[in-house]
Amino acid sequence: MLHRFEVVNIKCGGCARSIENALRADARVKHVEVDIAGGVVSVDADEGARDAARATLLRLGYPEAGTAEGMQALAAKAKSFVSCAVGRLDRK
C-alpha cells in the first residue's frame, strides 16, 4: 500500500538519503521515494507501517506539514539539520 506524507524541512539529497535509510530499516517497507522539491515522501509498505513511518519522519525532523508549530517546529528544524548532515556523510 502506498502512503504519502507531505512533510516540511526537506532541503537536499542529504535529507532525502537520511529519510530513505531510516524508513527502509523497517522490514515492512518495500520502497521509499522522496520528492525534495515537492516535500513529499512516498512509502510503499504494509498498512500497519504508516504510523511507524510518520513517527520516524518526526524523529528525524521532517513532520507532516501543519502538524508542528512554535517550539515543536523549531525543534523539528534543528533535528532536520542533523539528519541532513548525516545523510550527506552517508553516501553509500
C-alpha atoms as a PDB file:
ATOM      1  CA  MET A   1       0.000   0.000   0.000  1.00  0.00           C
ATOM      2  CA  LEU A   2       1.312   3.457  -0.895  1.00  0.00           C
ATOM      3  CA  HIS A   3       1.447   6.015   1.921  1.00  0.00           C
ATOM      4  CA  ARG A   4       2.087   9.640   1.009  1.00  0.00           C
ATOM      5  CA  PHE A   5       3.362  12.194   3.523  1.00  0.00           C
ATOM      6  CA  GLU A   6       3.640  15.922   2.823  1.00  0.00           C
ATOM      7  CA  VAL A   7       6.455  16.987   5.136  1.00  0.00           C
ATOM      8  CA  VAL A   8       8.463  20.093   5.957  1.00  0.00           C
ATOM      9  CA  ASN A   9      12.214  20.769   6.185  1.00  0.00           C
ATOM     10  CA  ILE A  10      13.389  18.659   3.219  1.00  0.00           C
ATOM     11  CA  LYS A  11      16.110  20.713   1.539  1.00  0.00           C
ATOM     12  CA  CYS A  12      18.511  18.417  -0.315  1.00  0.00           C
ATOM     13  CA  GLY A  13      19.751  14.965  -1.197  1.00  0.00           C
ATOM     14  CA  GLY A  14      21.260  14.572   2.270  1.00  0.00           C
ATOM     15  CA  CYS A  15      17.809  14.973   3.793  1.00  0.00           C
ATOM     16  CA  ALA A  16      16.364  12.502   1.304  1.00  0.00           C
ATOM     17  CA  ARG A  17      19.117   9.949   1.961  1.00  0.00           C
ATOM     18  CA  SER A  18      18.549  10.092   5.735  1.00  0.00           C
ATOM     19  CA  ILE A  19      14.807   9.662   5.266  1.00  0.00           C
ATOM     20  CA  GLU A  20      15.229   6.758   2.844  1.00  0.00           C
ATOM     21  CA  ASN A  21      17.745   4.944   5.052  1.00  0.00           C
ATOM     22  CA  ALA A  22      15.663   5.334   8.216  1.00  0.00           C
ATOM     23  CA  LEU A  23      12.401   4.240   6.612  1.00  0.00           C
ATOM     24  CA  ARG A  24      13.988   1.275   4.806  1.00  0.00           C
ATOM     25  CA  ALA A  25      15.215  -0.035   8.168  1.00  0.00           C
ATOM     26  CA  ASP A  26      11.612  -1.167   8.778  1.00  0.00           C
ATOM     27  CA  ALA A  27      11.178  -4.609   7.190  1.00  0.00           C
ATOM     28  CA  ARG A  28       7.564  -3.744   6.302  1.00  0.00           C
ATOM     29  CA  VAL A  29       8.761  -1.006   3.932  1.00  0.00           C
ATOM     30  CA  LYS A  30       9.192  -2.115   0.325  1.00  0.00           C
ATOM     31  CA  HIS A  31      10.115   1.186  -1.348  1.00  0.00           C
ATOM     32  CA  VAL A  32      10.699   4.834  -0.403  1.00  0.00           C
ATOM     33  CA  GLU A  33      10.680   7.816  -2.738  1.00  0.00           C
ATOM     34  CA  VAL A  34      11.449  11.387  -1.681  1.00  0.00           C
ATOM     35  CA  ASP A  35      10.370  14.357  -3.787  1.00  0.00           C
ATOM     36  CA  ILE A  36      12.654  17.091  -2.466  1.00  0.00           C
ATOM     37  CA  ALA A  37      11.079  19.967  -4.410  1.00  0.00           C
ATOM     38  CA  GLY A  38       7.534  18.939  -3.507  1.00  0.00           C
ATOM     39  CA  GLY A  39       8.273  17.987   0.089  1.00  0.00           C
ATOM     40  CA  VAL A  40       6.608  14.613  -0.372  1.00  0.00           C
ATOM     41  CA  VAL A  41       7.716  11.241   0.978  1.00  0.00           C
ATOM     42  CA  SER A  42       6.030   8.211  -0.598  1.00  0.00           C
ATOM     43  CA  VAL A  43       6.346   4.906   1.213  1.00  0.00           C
ATOM     44  CA  ASP A  44       5.247   1.565  -0.209  1.00  0.00           C
ATOM     45  CA  ALA A  45       4.632  -0.506   2.917  1.00  0.00           C
ATOM     46  CA  ASP A  46       2.147  -2.603   4.821  1.00  0.00           C
ATOM     47  CA  GLU A  47      -0.856  -0.734   6.254  1.00  0.00           C
ATOM     48  CA  GLY A  48       0.493  -1.231   9.775  1.00  0.00           C
ATOM     49  CA  ALA A  49       3.703   0.630   8.913  1.00  0.00           C
ATOM     50  CA  ARG A  50       2.021   4.013   8.311  1.00  0.00           C
ATOM     51  CA  ASP A  51       2.167   5.224  11.918  1.00  0.00           C
ATOM     52  CA  ALA A  52       5.739   3.987  12.317  1.00  0.00           C
ATOM     53  CA  ALA A  53       6.787   5.843   9.155  1.00  0.00           C
ATOM     54  CA  ARG A  54       5.120   9.027  10.410  1.00  0.00           C
ATOM     55  CA  ALA A  55       6.915   8.678  13.760  1.00  0.00           C
ATOM     56  CA  THR A  56      10.255   8.085  12.020  1.00  0.00           C
ATOM     57  CA  LEU A  57       9.815  11.204   9.891  1.00  0.00           C
ATOM     58  CA  LEU A  58       9.001  13.256  13.002  1.00  0.00           C
ATOM     59  CA  ARG A  59      12.014  11.824  14.884  1.00  0.00           C
ATOM     60  CA  LEU A  60      14.281  12.835  12.000  1.00  0.00           C
ATOM     61  CA  GLY A  61      12.872  16.380  11.931  1.00  0.00           C
ATOM     62  CA  TYR A  62      10.521  16.042   8.954  1.00  0.00           C
ATOM     63  CA  PRO A  63       6.995  16.267  10.420  1.00  0.00           C
ATOM     64  CA  GLU A  64       3.899  16.306   8.271  1.00  0.00           C
ATOM     65  CA  ALA A  65       3.033  19.789   7.057  1.00  0.00           C
ATOM     66  CA  GLY A  66       0.804  21.656   9.503  1.00  0.00           C
ATOM     67  CA  THR A  67       1.430  19.358  12.483  1.00  0.00           C
ATOM     68  CA  ALA A  68       4.273  21.185  14.220  1.00  0.00           C
ATOM     69  CA  GLU A  69       4.078  24.750  15.497  1.00  0.00           C
ATOM     70  CA  GLY A  70       6.144  27.020  17.705  1.00  0.00           C
ATOM     71  CA  MET A  71       8.861  25.297  19.680  1.00  0.00           C
ATOM     72  CA  GLN A  72       7.963  21.913  18.218  1.00  0.00           C
ATOM     73  CA  ALA A  73       8.520  23.267  14.704  1.00  0.00           C
ATOM     74  CA  LEU A  74      11.815  24.835  15.788  1.00  0.00           C
ATOM     75  CA  ALA A  75      12.952  21.535  17.326  1.00  0.00           C
ATOM     76  CA  ALA A  76      11.997  19.682  14.132  1.00  0.00           C
ATOM     77  CA  LYS A  77      14.019  22.118  12.045  1.00  0.00           C
ATOM     78  CA  ALA A  78      17.075  21.593  14.267  1.00  0.00           C
ATOM     79  CA  LYS A  79      16.694  17.805  14.027  1.00  0.00           C
ATOM     80  CA  SER A  80      16.403  18.040  10.249  1.00  0.00           C
ATOM     81  CA  PHE A  81      19.755  19.860  10.056  1.00  0.00           C
ATOM     82  CA  VAL A  82      21.393  16.952  11.879  1.00  0.00           C
ATOM     83  CA  SER A  83      19.606  14.367   9.707  1.00  0.00           C
ATOM     84  CA  CYS A  84      20.668  16.273   6.601  1.00  0.00           C
ATOM     85  CA  ALA A  85      24.308  16.309   7.695  1.00  0.00           C
ATOM     86  CA  VAL A  86      24.236  12.585   8.422  1.00  0.00           C
ATOM     87  CA  GLY A  87      22.674  11.936   5.017  1.00  0.00           C
ATOM     88  CA  ARG A  88      25.374  13.972   3.290  1.00  0.00           C
ATOM     89  CA  LEU A  89      28.092  11.954   5.028  1.00  0.00           C
ATOM     90  CA  ASP A  90      26.377   8.625   4.328  1.00  0.00           C
ATOM     91  CA  ARG A  91      26.931   8.438   0.553  1.00  0.00           C
ATOM     92  CA  LYS A  92      26.925   4.688   0.007  1.00  0.00           C
END
